[in-house]
C-alpha atoms as a PDB file:
ATOM      1  CA  MET A   1       0.066  -0.027   0.007  1.00  0.00           C
ATOM      2  CA  PRO A   2       1.551   3.430  -0.979  1.00  0.00           C
ATOM      3  CA  ILE A   3       2.198   5.832   1.839  1.00  0.00           C
ATOM      4  CA  VAL A   4       0.031   8.411   0.160  1.00  0.00           C
ATOM      5  CA  ALA A   5      -2.969   6.204   0.688  1.00  0.00           C
ATOM      6  CA  MET A   6      -2.439   6.061   4.347  1.00  0.00           C
ATOM      7  CA  PHE A   7      -2.588   9.894   4.773  1.00  0.00           C
ATOM      8  CA  LEU A   8      -5.421  10.685   2.092  1.00  0.00           C
ATOM      9  CA  PRO A   9      -8.501   9.650   4.387  1.00  0.00           C
ATOM     10  CA  PRO A  10      -7.595  11.846   7.428  1.00  0.00           C
ATOM     11  CA  PHE A  11      -6.918  14.882   5.161  1.00  0.00           C
ATOM     12  CA  PHE A  12     -10.161  14.299   3.380  1.00  0.00           C
ATOM     13  CA  GLY A  13     -12.041  14.173   6.733  1.00  0.00           C
ATOM     14  CA  ILE A  14     -10.444  17.340   8.012  1.00  0.00           C
ATOM     15  CA  GLY A  15     -11.322  19.164   4.836  1.00  0.00           C
ATOM     16  CA  PHE A  16     -14.795  17.989   5.091  1.00  0.00           C
ATOM     17  CA  VAL A  17     -15.043  19.193   8.637  1.00  0.00           C
ATOM     18  CA  MET A  18     -13.381  22.558   7.949  1.00  0.00           C
ATOM     19  CA  TYR A  19     -15.772  23.104   4.985  1.00  0.00           C
ATOM     20  CA  PHE A  20     -18.886  22.470   7.069  1.00  0.00           C
ATOM     21  CA  LEU A  21     -17.531  24.130  10.276  1.00  0.00           C
ATOM     22  CA  PRO A  22     -20.167  27.024  10.207  1.00  0.00           C
ATOM     23  CA  SER A  23     -22.933  24.485   9.951  1.00  0.00           C
ATOM     24  CA  LEU A  24     -21.527  22.396  12.838  1.00  0.00           C
ATOM     25  CA  ILE A  25     -21.094  25.477  14.974  1.00  0.00           C
ATOM     26  CA  ALA A  26     -24.642  26.568  14.220  1.00  0.00           C
ATOM     27  CA  LEU A  27     -26.094  22.963  14.999  1.00  0.00           C
ATOM     28  CA  LEU A  28     -24.049  22.859  18.344  1.00  0.00           C
ATOM     29  CA  ARG A  29     -25.186  26.342  19.390  1.00  0.00           C
ATOM     30  CA  ASN A  30     -29.038  25.541  18.525  1.00  0.00           C
ATOM     31  CA  LYS A  31     -29.278  28.483  16.203  1.00  0.00           C
ATOM     32  CA  ARG A  32     -32.805  29.436  14.917  1.00  0.00           C
ATOM     33  CA  ASP A  33     -31.382  29.644  11.402  1.00  0.00           C
ATOM     34  CA  THR A  34     -29.386  26.479  11.341  1.00  0.00           C
ATOM     35  CA  LEU A  35     -30.966  25.240   8.073  1.00  0.00           C
ATOM     36  CA  SER A  36     -30.290  28.632   6.400  1.00  0.00           C
ATOM     37  CA  ILE A  37     -26.640  28.661   7.526  1.00  0.00           C
ATOM     38  CA  PHE A  38     -26.292  24.979   6.120  1.00  0.00           C
ATOM     39  CA  LEU A  39     -27.844  25.938   2.912  1.00  0.00           C
ATOM     40  CA  LEU A  40     -25.528  29.038   2.482  1.00  0.00           C
ATOM     41  CA  ASN A  41     -22.548  26.864   3.554  1.00  0.00           C
ATOM     42  CA  PHE A  42     -23.469  24.199   1.188  1.00  0.00           C
ATOM     43  CA  PHE A  43     -24.055  26.384  -1.883  1.00  0.00           C
ATOM     44  CA  LEU A  44     -21.736  29.216  -1.264  1.00  0.00           C
ATOM     45  CA  GLY A  45     -19.085  27.761   1.038  1.00  0.00           C
ATOM     46  CA  TRP A  46     -16.685  26.998  -1.811  1.00  0.00           C
ATOM     47  CA  THR A  47     -16.366  30.953  -2.050  1.00  0.00           C
ATOM     48  CA  CYS A  48     -14.323  32.299   0.747  1.00  0.00           C
ATOM     49  CA  ILE A  49     -16.847  35.044   1.179  1.00  0.00           C
ATOM     50  CA  GLY A  50     -19.810  32.705   1.479  1.00  0.00           C
ATOM     51  CA  TRP A  51     -17.866  30.613   4.049  1.00  0.00           C
ATOM     52  CA  VAL A  52     -16.800  33.540   6.044  1.00  0.00           C
ATOM     53  CA  VAL A  53     -20.590  34.872   6.210  1.00  0.00           C
ATOM     54  CA  ALA A  54     -21.801  31.659   7.279  1.00  0.00           C
ATOM     55  CA  LEU A  55     -19.188  31.290  10.006  1.00  0.00           C
ATOM     56  CA  VAL A  56     -20.059  34.876  11.280  1.00  0.00           C
ATOM     57  CA  TRP A  57     -23.739  34.033  11.104  1.00  0.00           C
ATOM     58  CA  ALA A  58     -23.217  30.914  12.943  1.00  0.00           C
ATOM     59  CA  CYS A  59     -21.112  32.688  15.702  1.00  0.00           C
ATOM     60  CA  LYS A  60     -23.311  35.629  16.218  1.00  0.00           C
ATOM     61  CA  THR A  61     -25.658  35.509  19.232  1.00  0.00           C
ATOM     62  CA  ASP A  62     -29.374  35.297  18.567  1.00  0.00           C
ATOM     63  CA  VAL A  63     -31.309  38.268  19.505  1.00  0.00           C
ATOM     64  CA  PRO A  64     -34.271  37.179  21.633  1.00  0.00           C
ATOM     65  CA  ALA A  65     -37.585  37.217  19.823  1.00  0.00           C
ATOM     66  CA  VAL A  66     -40.155  39.926  20.797  1.00  0.00           C
ATOM     67  CA  VAL A  67     -43.702  39.070  20.808  1.00  0.00           C
ATOM     68  CA  ALA A  68     -45.790  42.194  20.080  1.00  0.00           C
ATOM     69  CA  ARG A  69     -49.345  42.455  21.951  1.00  0.00           C
END
């Protein structure tokens, strides 16, 4: 077995986790917009801007919802 084949799966796994890091953070923080963050990350995460926007959105604190009477 070539030495490259031994190191390929861990790097692929790390890349996969890094790509979906904003979605994982949103999921772990129980964000209201987790699905929206995931969709932004999935479709625009390949661009650096889309990934950073998703990361900032996932790390941002949710503002409590105000119920008007």
